[in-house]
Amino acid sequence: MAFKHRFAAALILFLGLCVAISPARAATFTIVGFGDSLMAGYSLGPGQGFTDRLQAALKAKGLDVAVANAGVSGDTSSGGLARLDWSVPDGTRLVILELGANDMLRGVSPEIAEKNLDAMLGKLKQRNIPALLAGMRAAPNLGADYQKVFDAIYPRLAERYGVPLYPFFLDGVDGHPDLQLGDGLHPNPRGVDVMVERILPVVEKAIADNGGPS
């Protein structure tokens, strides 16, 4: 009889531990895609934007992730800095920071864009939220001097904060009309898939480096 009681007690303890551990193991790894229209999915249908396609690609790899879309069309680095605190909730495990394209297109001083991106990375660091910096490149028509200064922003900030850098968010899409909308700036659904395919290994590594889904 005593053995039965000990066995029952042990079984109850074991089941209790299983219940306590299983929610932790099921915790979803939350990612926020924070950026402009390239992140927001400008002129794309439901499920066709970058964050949706990235989430689908990561889930296809067996990763329990949720990728939130915090992209705002037309946003500059100044706008991003102003809304960062309330756009990225506590508990976020990774932020993909993609801003600066609209600064560049409007000819905003690269120094201003860098200052704002620097402040955003600083805020995320203070909150212990890891970041992956997605870079942008200046259009050639802005001149070689502007291009040189602007393009250097992202590698410099990535090194300063020790965050992973994806050098060019539109890699594989820029300059390919068949992968772009009619405006020649934004990706079409096929272009989004190319973007996701190329950045996927970098995101996977960032997830693994930050503990992965628990």
C-alpha atoms as a PDB file:
ATOM      1  CA  MET A   1       0.000   0.000   0.000  1.00  0.00           C
ATOM      2  CA  ALA A   2       2.849   2.362   0.897  1.00  0.00           C
ATOM      3  CA  PHE A   3       4.446   1.616  -2.452  1.00  0.00           C
ATOM      4  CA  LYS A   4       1.209   2.504  -4.230  1.00  0.00           C
ATOM      5  CA  HIS A   5       1.028   5.821  -2.379  1.00  0.00           C
ATOM      6  CA  ARG A   6       4.645   6.632  -3.206  1.00  0.00           C
ATOM      7  CA  PHE A   7       4.072   5.700  -6.851  1.00  0.00           C
ATOM      8  CA  ALA A   8       0.937   7.839  -7.044  1.00  0.00           C
ATOM      9  CA  ALA A   9       2.739  10.784  -5.447  1.00  0.00           C
ATOM     10  CA  ALA A  10       5.649  10.425  -7.842  1.00  0.00           C
ATOM     11  CA  LEU A  11       3.266  10.243 -10.788  1.00  0.00           C
ATOM     12  CA  ILE A  12       1.435  13.384  -9.687  1.00  0.00           C
ATOM     13  CA  LEU A  13       4.762  15.217  -9.268  1.00  0.00           C
ATOM     14  CA  PHE A  14       5.902  14.093 -12.717  1.00  0.00           C
ATOM     15  CA  LEU A  15       2.683  15.208 -14.373  1.00  0.00           C
ATOM     16  CA  GLY A  16       2.876  18.515 -12.541  1.00  0.00           C
ATOM     17  CA  LEU A  17       6.373  19.125 -13.856  1.00  0.00           C
ATOM     18  CA  CYS A  18       5.244  18.277 -17.368  1.00  0.00           C
ATOM     19  CA  VAL A  19       2.450  20.824 -17.126  1.00  0.00           C
ATOM     20  CA  ALA A  20       4.849  23.442 -15.752  1.00  0.00           C
ATOM     21  CA  ILE A  21       7.477  22.840 -18.414  1.00  0.00           C
ATOM     22  CA  SER A  22       5.269  22.469 -21.480  1.00  0.00           C
ATOM     23  CA  PRO A  23       4.078  26.117 -21.647  1.00  0.00           C
ATOM     24  CA  ALA A  24       7.707  27.287 -21.545  1.00  0.00           C
ATOM     25  CA  ARG A  25       8.621  24.941 -24.368  1.00  0.00           C
ATOM     26  CA  ALA A  26       5.655  26.174 -26.355  1.00  0.00           C
ATOM     27  CA  ALA A  27       6.603  29.857 -26.037  1.00  0.00           C
ATOM     28  CA  THR A  28       6.529  31.450 -29.476  1.00  0.00           C
ATOM     29  CA  PHE A  29       9.583  33.428 -30.609  1.00  0.00           C
ATOM     30  CA  THR A  30       8.202  36.885 -31.404  1.00  0.00           C
ATOM     31  CA  ILE A  31       9.759  39.060 -34.111  1.00  0.00           C
ATOM     32  CA  VAL A  32       8.781  42.613 -35.036  1.00  0.00           C
ATOM     33  CA  GLY A  33       9.468  43.823 -38.560  1.00  0.00           C
ATOM     34  CA  PHE A  34       9.946  47.553 -38.005  1.00  0.00           C
ATOM     35  CA  GLY A  35      10.261  49.699 -41.093  1.00  0.00           C
ATOM     36  CA  ASP A  36       8.647  51.575 -43.939  1.00  0.00           C
ATOM     37  CA  SER A  37       6.550  50.543 -46.964  1.00  0.00           C
ATOM     38  CA  LEU A  38       9.039  47.805 -47.862  1.00  0.00           C
ATOM     39  CA  MET A  39       8.214  46.174 -44.556  1.00  0.00           C
ATOM     40  CA  ALA A  40       4.541  47.164 -44.538  1.00  0.00           C
ATOM     41  CA  GLY A  41       3.803  45.424 -47.855  1.00  0.00           C
ATOM     42  CA  TYR A  42       2.846  48.408 -49.999  1.00  0.00           C
ATOM     43  CA  SER A  43       0.181  47.534 -52.619  1.00  0.00           C
ATOM     44  CA  LEU A  44       0.354  43.823 -51.819  1.00  0.00           C
ATOM     45  CA  GLY A  45      -2.550  41.567 -50.915  1.00  0.00           C
ATOM     46  CA  PRO A  46      -3.176  39.721 -47.649  1.00  0.00           C
ATOM     47  CA  GLY A  47      -0.383  37.287 -46.874  1.00  0.00           C
ATOM     48  CA  GLN A  48       1.903  38.661 -49.596  1.00  0.00           C
ATOM     49  CA  GLY A  49       3.958  41.122 -47.545  1.00  0.00           C
ATOM     50  CA  PHE A  50       7.446  40.544 -46.209  1.00  0.00           C
ATOM     51  CA  THR A  51       6.484  39.773 -42.610  1.00  0.00           C
ATOM     52  CA  ASP A  52       3.796  37.275 -43.616  1.00  0.00           C
ATOM     53  CA  ARG A  53       6.074  35.500 -46.075  1.00  0.00           C
ATOM     54  CA  LEU A  54       8.973  35.476 -43.603  1.00  0.00           C
ATOM     55  CA  GLN A  55       6.767  33.960 -40.928  1.00  0.00           C
ATOM     56  CA  ALA A  56       5.579  31.284 -43.365  1.00  0.00           C
ATOM     57  CA  ALA A  57       9.160  30.474 -44.388  1.00  0.00           C
ATOM     58  CA  LEU A  58      10.321  30.175 -40.785  1.00  0.00           C
ATOM     59  CA  LYS A  59       7.354  28.002 -39.840  1.00  0.00           C
ATOM     60  CA  ALA A  60       8.136  25.780 -42.828  1.00  0.00           C
ATOM     61  CA  LYS A  61      11.541  25.266 -41.197  1.00  0.00           C
ATOM     62  CA  GLY A  62       9.777  24.009 -38.092  1.00  0.00           C
ATOM     63  CA  LEU A  63      10.295  27.172 -36.031  1.00  0.00           C
ATOM     64  CA  ASP A  64       7.550  28.388 -33.730  1.00  0.00           C
ATOM     65  CA  VAL A  65       7.651  32.087 -34.577  1.00  0.00           C
ATOM     66  CA  ALA A  66       5.301  35.027 -34.983  1.00  0.00           C
ATOM     67  CA  VAL A  67       6.401  37.944 -37.155  1.00  0.00           C
ATOM     68  CA  ALA A  68       4.503  41.173 -36.493  1.00  0.00           C
ATOM     69  CA  ASN A  69       4.237  43.849 -39.158  1.00  0.00           C
ATOM     70  CA  ALA A  70       5.244  47.239 -37.734  1.00  0.00           C
ATOM     71  CA  GLY A  71       5.912  48.813 -41.117  1.00  0.00           C
ATOM     72  CA  VAL A  72       4.459  52.222 -41.989  1.00  0.00           C
ATOM     73  CA  SER A  73       4.444  53.389 -45.595  1.00  0.00           C
ATOM     74  CA  GLY A  74       6.308  56.646 -46.076  1.00  0.00           C
ATOM     75  CA  ASP A  75       8.031  56.425 -42.721  1.00  0.00           C
ATOM     76  CA  THR A  76      11.428  58.060 -42.296  1.00  0.00           C
ATOM     77  CA  SER A  77      14.003  57.343 -39.623  1.00  0.00           C
ATOM     78  CA  SER A  78      12.596  60.313 -37.674  1.00  0.00           C
ATOM     79  CA  GLY A  79       9.099  58.834 -37.780  1.00  0.00           C
ATOM     80  CA  GLY A  80      10.433  55.457 -36.757  1.00  0.00           C
ATOM     81  CA  LEU A  81      12.235  56.878 -33.759  1.00  0.00           C
ATOM     82  CA  ALA A  82       9.076  58.680 -32.639  1.00  0.00           C
ATOM     83  CA  ARG A  83       6.977  55.499 -32.643  1.00  0.00           C
ATOM     84  CA  LEU A  84       9.520  52.847 -31.675  1.00  0.00           C
ATOM     85  CA  ASP A  85       8.609  52.565 -27.998  1.00  0.00           C
ATOM     86  CA  TRP A  86       4.928  51.798 -28.561  1.00  0.00           C
ATOM     87  CA  SER A  87       5.402  49.818 -31.777  1.00  0.00           C
ATOM     88  CA  VAL A  88       7.726  47.235 -30.211  1.00  0.00           C
ATOM     89  CA  PRO A  89       6.073  45.580 -27.201  1.00  0.00           C
ATOM     90  CA  ASP A  90       7.935  44.265 -24.193  1.00  0.00           C
ATOM     91  CA  GLY A  91       8.842  40.615 -24.624  1.00  0.00           C
ATOM     92  CA  THR A  92       9.782  40.969 -28.283  1.00  0.00           C
ATOM     93  CA  ARG A  93      12.633  38.535 -28.988  1.00  0.00           C
ATOM     94  CA  LEU A  94      13.997  40.172 -32.152  1.00  0.00           C
ATOM     95  CA  VAL A  95      13.459  43.372 -34.154  1.00  0.00           C
ATOM     96  CA  ILE A  96      14.291  43.551 -37.846  1.00  0.00           C
ATOM     97  CA  LEU A  97      15.065  47.259 -38.182  1.00  0.00           C
ATOM     98  CA  GLU A  98      14.598  48.517 -41.749  1.00  0.00           C
ATOM     99  CA  LEU A  99      14.488  52.291 -42.186  1.00  0.00           C
ATOM    100  CA  GLY A 100      16.305  54.988 -44.121  1.00  0.00           C
ATOM    101  CA  ALA A 101      15.025  54.490 -47.665  1.00  0.00           C
ATOM    102  CA  ASN A 102      12.625  57.420 -47.452  1.00  0.00           C
ATOM    103  CA  ASP A 103      15.296  59.620 -45.883  1.00  0.00           C
ATOM    104  CA  MET A 104      17.477  58.840 -48.881  1.00  0.00           C
ATOM    105  CA  LEU A 105      14.719  59.386 -51.457  1.00  0.00           C
ATOM    106  CA  ARG A 106      13.964  62.776 -49.913  1.00  0.00           C
ATOM    107  CA  GLY A 107      17.624  63.738 -49.837  1.00  0.00           C
ATOM    108  CA  VAL A 108      17.696  63.971 -46.042  1.00  0.00           C
ATOM    109  CA  SER A 109      21.183  64.368 -44.663  1.00  0.00           C
ATOM    110  CA  PRO A 110      22.750  60.949 -43.994  1.00  0.00           C
ATOM    111  CA  GLU A 111      23.913  62.302 -40.647  1.00  0.00           C
ATOM    112  CA  ILE A 112      20.276  62.729 -39.562  1.00  0.00           C
ATOM    113  CA  ALA A 113      19.347  59.227 -40.676  1.00  0.00           C
ATOM    114  CA  GLU A 114      22.332  57.782 -38.829  1.00  0.00           C
ATOM    115  CA  LYS A 115      21.531  59.727 -35.667  1.00  0.00           C
ATOM    116  CA  ASN A 116      17.961  58.406 -35.662  1.00  0.00           C
ATOM    117  CA  LEU A 117      18.948  54.811 -36.382  1.00  0.00           C
ATOM    118  CA  ASP A 118      21.606  55.062 -33.695  1.00  0.00           C
ATOM    119  CA  ALA A 119      18.977  56.232 -31.198  1.00  0.00           C
ATOM    120  CA  MET A 120      16.640  53.375 -32.141  1.00  0.00           C
ATOM    121  CA  LEU A 121      19.331  50.753 -31.690  1.00  0.00           C
ATOM    122  CA  GLY A 122      20.234  52.381 -28.381  1.00  0.00           C
ATOM    123  CA  LYS A 123      16.624  52.214 -27.172  1.00  0.00           C
ATOM    124  CA  LEU A 124      16.345  48.550 -28.124  1.00  0.00           C
ATOM    125  CA  LYS A 125      19.608  47.776 -26.363  1.00  0.00           C
ATOM    126  CA  GLN A 126      18.372  49.494 -23.197  1.00  0.00           C
ATOM    127  CA  ARG A 127      15.275  47.288 -23.313  1.00  0.00           C
ATOM    128  CA  ASN A 128      17.383  44.153 -23.931  1.00  0.00           C
ATOM    129  CA  ILE A 129      15.647  43.527 -27.266  1.00  0.00           C
ATOM    130  CA  PRO A 130      18.019  42.123 -29.920  1.00  0.00           C
ATOM    131  CA  ALA A 131      18.036  43.718 -33.352  1.00  0.00           C
ATOM    132  CA  LEU A 132      18.912  42.699 -36.879  1.00  0.00           C
ATOM    133  CA  LEU A 133      19.774  45.755 -38.981  1.00  0.00           C
ATOM    134  CA  ALA A 134      18.550  45.669 -42.577  1.00  0.00           C
ATOM    135  CA  GLY A 135      20.576  48.074 -44.683  1.00  0.00           C
ATOM    136  CA  MET A 136      19.646  50.296 -47.592  1.00  0.00           C
ATOM    137  CA  ARG A 137      21.705  51.741 -50.417  1.00  0.00           C
ATOM    138  CA  ALA A 138      21.489  55.207 -51.901  1.00  0.00           C
ATOM    139  CA  ALA A 139      20.260  55.700 -55.446  1.00  0.00           C
ATOM    140  CA  PRO A 140      23.102  56.559 -57.866  1.00  0.00           C
ATOM    141  CA  ASN A 141      21.321  59.716 -59.069  1.00  0.00           C
ATOM    142  CA  LEU A 142      21.965  61.337 -55.679  1.00  0.00           C
ATOM    143  CA  GLY A 143      25.653  61.518 -56.494  1.00  0.00           C
ATOM    144  CA  ALA A 144      28.727  59.595 -55.480  1.00  0.00           C
ATOM    145  CA  ASP A 145      29.419  61.685 -52.388  1.00  0.00           C
ATOM    146  CA  TYR A 146      25.932  61.199 -50.924  1.00  0.00           C
ATOM    147  CA  GLN A 147      26.004  57.529 -51.845  1.00  0.00           C
ATOM    148  CA  LYS A 148      29.313  56.941 -50.105  1.00  0.00           C
ATOM    149  CA  VAL A 149      28.215  58.608 -46.873  1.00  0.00           C
ATOM    150  CA  PHE A 150      24.744  57.058 -46.796  1.00  0.00           C
ATOM    151  CA  ASP A 151      25.826  53.504 -47.600  1.00  0.00           C
ATOM    152  CA  ALA A 152      28.350  53.581 -44.761  1.00  0.00           C
ATOM    153  CA  ILE A 153      25.671  54.194 -42.124  1.00  0.00           C
ATOM    154  CA  TYR A 154      24.552  50.591 -41.722  1.00  0.00           C
ATOM    155  CA  PRO A 155      27.891  48.754 -41.420  1.00  0.00           C
ATOM    156  CA  ARG A 156      29.094  51.393 -38.963  1.00  0.00           C
ATOM    157  CA  LEU A 157      26.012  51.092 -36.733  1.00  0.00           C
ATOM    158  CA  ALA A 158      26.023  47.294 -36.878  1.00  0.00           C
ATOM    159  CA  GLU A 159      29.620  47.281 -35.674  1.00  0.00           C
ATOM    160  CA  ARG A 160      28.948  49.917 -33.019  1.00  0.00           C
ATOM    161  CA  TYR A 161      26.097  47.935 -31.460  1.00  0.00           C
ATOM    162  CA  GLY A 162      27.333  44.456 -32.254  1.00  0.00           C
ATOM    163  CA  VAL A 163      24.161  43.520 -34.132  1.00  0.00           C
ATOM    164  CA  PRO A 164      23.917  41.366 -37.261  1.00  0.00           C
ATOM    165  CA  LEU A 165      23.708  43.272 -40.542  1.00  0.00           C
ATOM    166  CA  TYR A 166      21.819  42.292 -43.659  1.00  0.00           C
ATOM    167  CA  PRO A 167      23.573  44.724 -46.033  1.00  0.00           C
ATOM    168  CA  PHE A 168      20.763  45.452 -48.515  1.00  0.00           C
ATOM    169  CA  PHE A 169      17.095  44.738 -47.825  1.00  0.00           C
ATOM    170  CA  LEU A 170      16.236  44.795 -51.550  1.00  0.00           C
ATOM    171  CA  ASP A 171      19.065  42.472 -52.541  1.00  0.00           C
ATOM    172  CA  GLY A 172      18.072  40.474 -55.612  1.00  0.00           C
ATOM    173  CA  VAL A 173      15.077  42.708 -56.346  1.00  0.00           C
ATOM    174  CA  ASP A 174      16.520  46.160 -56.987  1.00  0.00           C
ATOM    175  CA  GLY A 175      17.120  46.603 -60.713  1.00  0.00           C
ATOM    176  CA  HIS A 176      14.856  43.671 -61.656  1.00  0.00           C
ATOM    177  CA  PRO A 177      11.597  45.069 -63.119  1.00  0.00           C
ATOM    178  CA  ASP A 178      10.023  41.606 -63.186  1.00  0.00           C
ATOM    179  CA  LEU A 179      10.265  41.495 -59.382  1.00  0.00           C
ATOM    180  CA  GLN A 180       8.998  45.043 -58.804  1.00  0.00           C
ATOM    181  CA  LEU A 181       5.735  46.923 -58.922  1.00  0.00           C
ATOM    182  CA  GLY A 182       5.201  49.449 -61.672  1.00  0.00           C
ATOM    183  CA  ASP A 183       6.776  52.202 -59.580  1.00  0.00           C
ATOM    184  CA  GLY A 184      10.168  50.521 -59.881  1.00  0.00           C
ATOM    185  CA  LEU A 185      10.705  50.851 -56.130  1.00  0.00           C
ATOM    186  CA  HIS A 186       8.628  48.270 -54.301  1.00  0.00           C
ATOM    187  CA  PRO A 187       8.698  44.480 -54.642  1.00  0.00           C
ATOM    188  CA  ASN A 188       5.814  42.549 -56.141  1.00  0.00           C
ATOM    189  CA  PRO A 189       4.840  39.193 -54.564  1.00  0.00           C
ATOM    190  CA  ARG A 190       7.593  37.373 -56.461  1.00  0.00           C
ATOM    191  CA  GLY A 191      10.059  40.013 -55.350  1.00  0.00           C
ATOM    192  CA  VAL A 192       9.027  39.560 -51.721  1.00  0.00           C
ATOM    193  CA  ASP A 193       9.715  35.845 -52.008  1.00  0.00           C
ATOM    194  CA  VAL A 194      13.209  36.608 -53.308  1.00  0.00           C
ATOM    195  CA  MET A 195      13.818  38.985 -50.400  1.00  0.00           C
ATOM    196  CA  VAL A 196      12.661  36.386 -47.884  1.00  0.00           C
ATOM    197  CA  GLU A 197      14.734  33.633 -49.465  1.00  0.00           C
ATOM    198  CA  ARG A 198      17.889  35.738 -49.267  1.00  0.00           C
ATOM    199  CA  ILE A 199      17.476  37.083 -45.751  1.00  0.00           C
ATOM    200  CA  LEU A 200      16.177  33.813 -44.282  1.00  0.00           C
ATOM    201  CA  PRO A 201      19.579  32.357 -43.231  1.00  0.00           C
ATOM    202  CA  VAL A 202      20.465  35.608 -41.456  1.00  0.00           C
ATOM    203  CA  VAL A 203      17.154  35.626 -39.577  1.00  0.00           C
ATOM    204  CA  GLU A 204      17.511  31.958 -38.671  1.00  0.00           C
ATOM    205  CA  LYS A 205      20.938  32.630 -37.201  1.00  0.00           C
ATOM    206  CA  ALA A 206      19.659  35.637 -35.262  1.00  0.00           C
ATOM    207  CA  ILE A 207      16.875  33.479 -33.814  1.00  0.00           C
ATOM    208  CA  ALA A 208      19.340  30.757 -32.829  1.00  0.00           C
ATOM    209  CA  ASP A 209      21.781  33.282 -31.352  1.00  0.00           C
ATOM    210  CA  ASN A 210      18.981  34.638 -29.152  1.00  0.00           C
ATOM    211  CA  GLY A 211      17.800  31.384 -27.704  1.00  0.00           C
ATOM    212  CA  GLY A 212      15.320  30.330 -30.356  1.00  0.00           C
ATOM    213  CA  PRO A 213      11.736  29.318 -29.592  1.00  0.00           C
ATOM    214  CA  SER A 214      11.695  28.044 -26.017  1.00  0.00           C
END
